[in-house]
C-alpha atoms as a PDB file:
ATOM      1  CA  UNK A   1     100.935 111.035 165.394  1.00  0.00           C
ATOM      2  CA  UNK A   2      99.323 113.980 163.651  1.00  0.00           C
ATOM      3  CA  UNK A   3      95.547 112.803 163.259  1.00  0.00           C
ATOM      4  CA  UNK A   4      92.739 114.961 161.380  1.00  0.00           C
ATOM      5  CA  UNK A   5      89.219 113.484 161.626  1.00  0.00           C
ATOM      6  CA  UNK A   6      86.606 115.193 159.595  1.00  0.00           C
ATOM      7  CA  UNK A   7      82.699 114.787 160.037  1.00  0.00           C
ATOM      8  CA  UNK A   8      79.451 116.609 159.082  1.00  0.00           C
ATOM      9  CA  UNK A   9      79.397 115.887 155.638  1.00  0.00           C
ATOM     10  CA  UNK A  10      76.215 114.284 154.028  1.00  0.00           C
ATOM     11  CA  UNK A  11      73.498 114.964 151.440  1.00  0.00           C
ATOM     12  CA  UNK A  12      71.993 118.370 151.419  1.00  0.00           C
ATOM     13  CA  UNK A  13      69.374 120.153 148.892  1.00  0.00           C
ATOM     14  CA  UNK A  14      70.667 123.138 147.004  1.00  0.00           C
ATOM     15  CA  UNK A  15      70.622 126.388 148.982  1.00  0.00           C
ATOM     16  CA  UNK A  16      70.947 124.211 151.900  1.00  0.00           C
ATOM     17  CA  UNK A  17      73.691 124.753 154.778  1.00  0.00           C
ATOM     18  CA  UNK A  18      76.325 122.132 156.346  1.00  0.00           C
ATOM     19  CA  UNK A  19      78.684 122.533 159.194  1.00  0.00           C
ATOM     20  CA  UNK A  20      82.028 120.456 158.861  1.00  0.00           C
ATOM     21  CA  UNK A  21      84.221 119.672 161.855  1.00  0.00           C
ATOM     22  CA  UNK A  22      87.523 118.647 161.949  1.00  0.00           C
ATOM     23  CA  UNK A  23      89.238 116.813 165.188  1.00  0.00           C
ATOM     24  CA  UNK A  24      92.777 117.550 165.400  1.00  0.00           C
ATOM     25  CA  UNK A  25      95.152 115.664 167.529  1.00  0.00           C
ATOM     26  CA  UNK A  26      99.037 114.563 168.065  1.00  0.00           C
ATOM     27  CA  UNK A  27     100.249 118.322 167.605  1.00  0.00           C
ATOM     28  CA  UNK A  28      99.950 121.666 169.183  1.00  0.00           C
ATOM     29  CA  UNK A  29      96.905 122.512 167.107  1.00  0.00           C
ATOM     30  CA  UNK A  30      97.132 126.421 168.434  1.00  0.00           C
ATOM     31  CA  UNK A  31     100.466 126.903 166.590  1.00  0.00           C
ATOM     32  CA  UNK A  32      99.235 125.825 162.895  1.00  0.00           C
ATOM     33  CA  UNK A  33      97.768 127.419 160.068  1.00  0.00           C
ATOM     34  CA  UNK A  34      94.826 125.043 159.073  1.00  0.00           C
ATOM     35  CA  UNK A  35      92.744 124.776 155.773  1.00  0.00           C
ATOM     36  CA  UNK A  36      90.009 123.456 153.986  1.00  0.00           C
ATOM     37  CA  UNK A  37      90.514 121.987 150.861  1.00  0.00           C
ATOM     38  CA  UNK A  38      88.236 119.895 148.324  1.00  0.00           C
ATOM     39  CA  UNK A  39      88.037 117.766 145.690  1.00  0.00           C
ATOM     40  CA  UNK A  40      85.062 117.430 143.503  1.00  0.00           C
ATOM     41  CA  UNK A  41      84.660 114.269 141.292  1.00  0.00           C
ATOM     42  CA  UNK A  42      87.090 114.153 138.431  1.00  0.00           C
ATOM     43  CA  UNK A  43      88.670 117.417 139.185  1.00  0.00           C
ATOM     44  CA  UNK A  44      91.809 118.256 141.115  1.00  0.00           C
ATOM     45  CA  UNK A  45      92.337 119.684 144.498  1.00  0.00           C
ATOM     46  CA  UNK A  46      90.964 123.230 145.498  1.00  0.00           C
ATOM     47  CA  UNK A  47      91.932 124.942 148.501  1.00  0.00           C
ATOM     48  CA  UNK A  48      88.871 126.254 149.763  1.00  0.00           C
ATOM     49  CA  UNK A  49      89.600 128.277 153.219  1.00  0.00           C
ATOM     50  CA  UNK A  50      92.341 128.787 155.711  1.00  0.00           C
ATOM     51  CA  UNK A  51      92.693 130.279 159.266  1.00  0.00           C
ATOM     52  CA  UNK A  52      95.671 131.513 160.803  1.00  0.00           C
ATOM     53  CA  UNK A  53      96.582 129.849 164.444  1.00  0.00           C
ATOM     54  CA  UNK A  54      95.518 132.708 166.747  1.00  0.00           C
ATOM     55  CA  UNK A  55      93.388 135.494 166.303  1.00  0.00           C
ATOM     56  CA  UNK A  56      90.212 135.347 163.659  1.00  0.00           C
ATOM     57  CA  UNK A  57      92.086 136.407 160.327  1.00  0.00           C
ATOM     58  CA  UNK A  58      90.971 134.267 157.667  1.00  0.00           C
ATOM     59  CA  UNK A  59      91.502 133.552 154.008  1.00  0.00           C
ATOM     60  CA  UNK A  60      88.859 132.371 151.602  1.00  0.00           C
ATOM     61  CA  UNK A  61      87.762 131.945 148.092  1.00  0.00           C
ATOM     62  CA  UNK A  62      84.120 131.244 148.857  1.00  0.00           C
ATOM     63  CA  UNK A  63      82.102 134.166 150.154  1.00  0.00           C
ATOM     64  CA  UNK A  64      79.429 131.483 151.310  1.00  0.00           C
ATOM     65  CA  UNK A  65      81.747 129.764 153.826  1.00  0.00           C
ATOM     66  CA  UNK A  66      83.051 130.689 156.829  1.00  0.00           C
ATOM     67  CA  UNK A  67      86.269 128.936 158.759  1.00  0.00           C
ATOM     68  CA  UNK A  68      86.428 129.060 162.251  1.00  0.00           C
ATOM     69  CA  UNK A  69      88.487 127.116 164.998  1.00  0.00           C
ATOM     70  CA  UNK A  70      88.105 126.366 168.721  1.00  0.00           C
ATOM     71  CA  UNK A  71      91.664 126.108 170.226  1.00  0.00           C
ATOM     72  CA  UNK A  72      90.740 124.739 173.489  1.00  0.00           C
ATOM     73  CA  UNK A  73      88.950 121.801 171.298  1.00  0.00           C
ATOM     74  CA  UNK A  74      91.139 121.229 169.089  1.00  0.00           C
ATOM     75  CA  UNK A  75      88.615 121.540 166.461  1.00  0.00           C
ATOM     76  CA  UNK A  76      88.401 123.456 162.677  1.00  0.00           C
ATOM     77  CA  UNK A  77      84.929 124.008 161.406  1.00  0.00           C
ATOM     78  CA  UNK A  78      83.973 125.168 157.970  1.00  0.00           C
ATOM     79  CA  UNK A  79      80.174 126.533 157.946  1.00  0.00           C
ATOM     80  CA  UNK A  80      78.890 126.456 154.250  1.00  0.00           C
ATOM     81  CA  UNK A  81      75.727 127.980 153.227  1.00  0.00           C
ATOM     82  CA  UNK A  82      73.979 128.667 150.030  1.00  0.00           C
ATOM     83  CA  UNK A  83      75.381 125.186 148.692  1.00  0.00           C
ATOM     84  CA  UNK A  84      75.136 124.698 145.135  1.00  0.00           C
ATOM     85  CA  UNK A  85      75.378 121.306 143.240  1.00  0.00           C
ATOM     86  CA  UNK A  86      79.053 122.686 142.045  1.00  0.00           C
ATOM     87  CA  UNK A  87      80.018 122.493 145.817  1.00  0.00           C
ATOM     88  CA  UNK A  88      80.053 118.638 145.789  1.00  0.00           C
ATOM     89  CA  UNK A  89      83.019 117.302 146.657  1.00  0.00           C
ATOM     90  CA  UNK A  90      85.452 115.586 149.278  1.00  0.00           C
ATOM     91  CA  UNK A  91      86.143 117.902 151.752  1.00  0.00           C
ATOM     92  CA  UNK A  92      89.351 117.717 153.687  1.00  0.00           C
ATOM     93  CA  UNK A  93      91.256 119.369 156.693  1.00  0.00           C
ATOM     94  CA  UNK A  94      94.680 120.123 156.461  1.00  0.00           C
ATOM     95  CA  UNK A  95      97.500 121.426 158.484  1.00  0.00           C
ATOM     96  CA  UNK A  96      99.197 124.155 156.677  1.00  0.00           C
ATOM     97  CA  UNK A  97      98.405 126.699 154.001  1.00  0.00           C
ATOM     98  CA  UNK A  98     100.092 125.848 150.588  1.00  0.00           C
ATOM     99  CA  UNK A  99      99.171 122.683 148.279  1.00  0.00           C
ATOM    100  CA  UNK A 100     100.167 120.012 149.047  1.00  0.00           C
ATOM    101  CA  UNK A 101     100.134 120.295 152.849  1.00  0.00           C
ATOM    102  CA  UNK A 102     101.877 117.486 154.782  1.00  0.00           C
ATOM    103  CA  UNK A 103      99.054 116.188 156.750  1.00  0.00           C
ATOM    104  CA  UNK A 104      95.421 115.700 155.686  1.00  0.00           C
ATOM    105  CA  UNK A 105      92.559 113.997 156.854  1.00  0.00           C
ATOM    106  CA  UNK A 106      90.351 111.198 155.504  1.00  0.00           C
ATOM    107  CA  UNK A 107      88.014 113.610 154.063  1.00  0.00           C
ATOM    108  CA  UNK A 108      84.162 114.113 154.262  1.00  0.00           C
ATOM    109  CA  UNK A 109      81.897 113.902 151.335  1.00  0.00           C
ATOM    110  CA  UNK A 110      79.396 116.605 150.794  1.00  0.00           C
ATOM    111  CA  UNK A 111      76.884 115.847 148.122  1.00  0.00           C
ATOM    112  CA  UNK A 112      74.374 118.767 147.337  1.00  0.00           C
ATOM    113  CA  UNK A 113      71.540 117.555 145.229  1.00  0.00           C
ATOM    114  CA  UNK A 114      67.825 117.790 144.998  1.00  0.00           C
END
């Protein structure tokens, strides 16, 4: 079965950085567009960034965030820099490009606070 497991969240000070990871299994990872989606407290889902199945083409609404993937390791990454309190959210990786995606992980919490 499809499994997506995020990790790397935590508490970080404003201006800091975090790198999220998402380990994928149960499907041919290299065949799928993958996304990062977040949900801030009390708010709806927000698509953050996505990456095509092959090559390095990416989409992002956050210039401070860089998505990448390692198809050999079945792993998706999100490098987040210059974090602000507004980036506090539960971050999910998801298979696909358009909300709502069919498969999601359980999420990893990012808290930006001093």
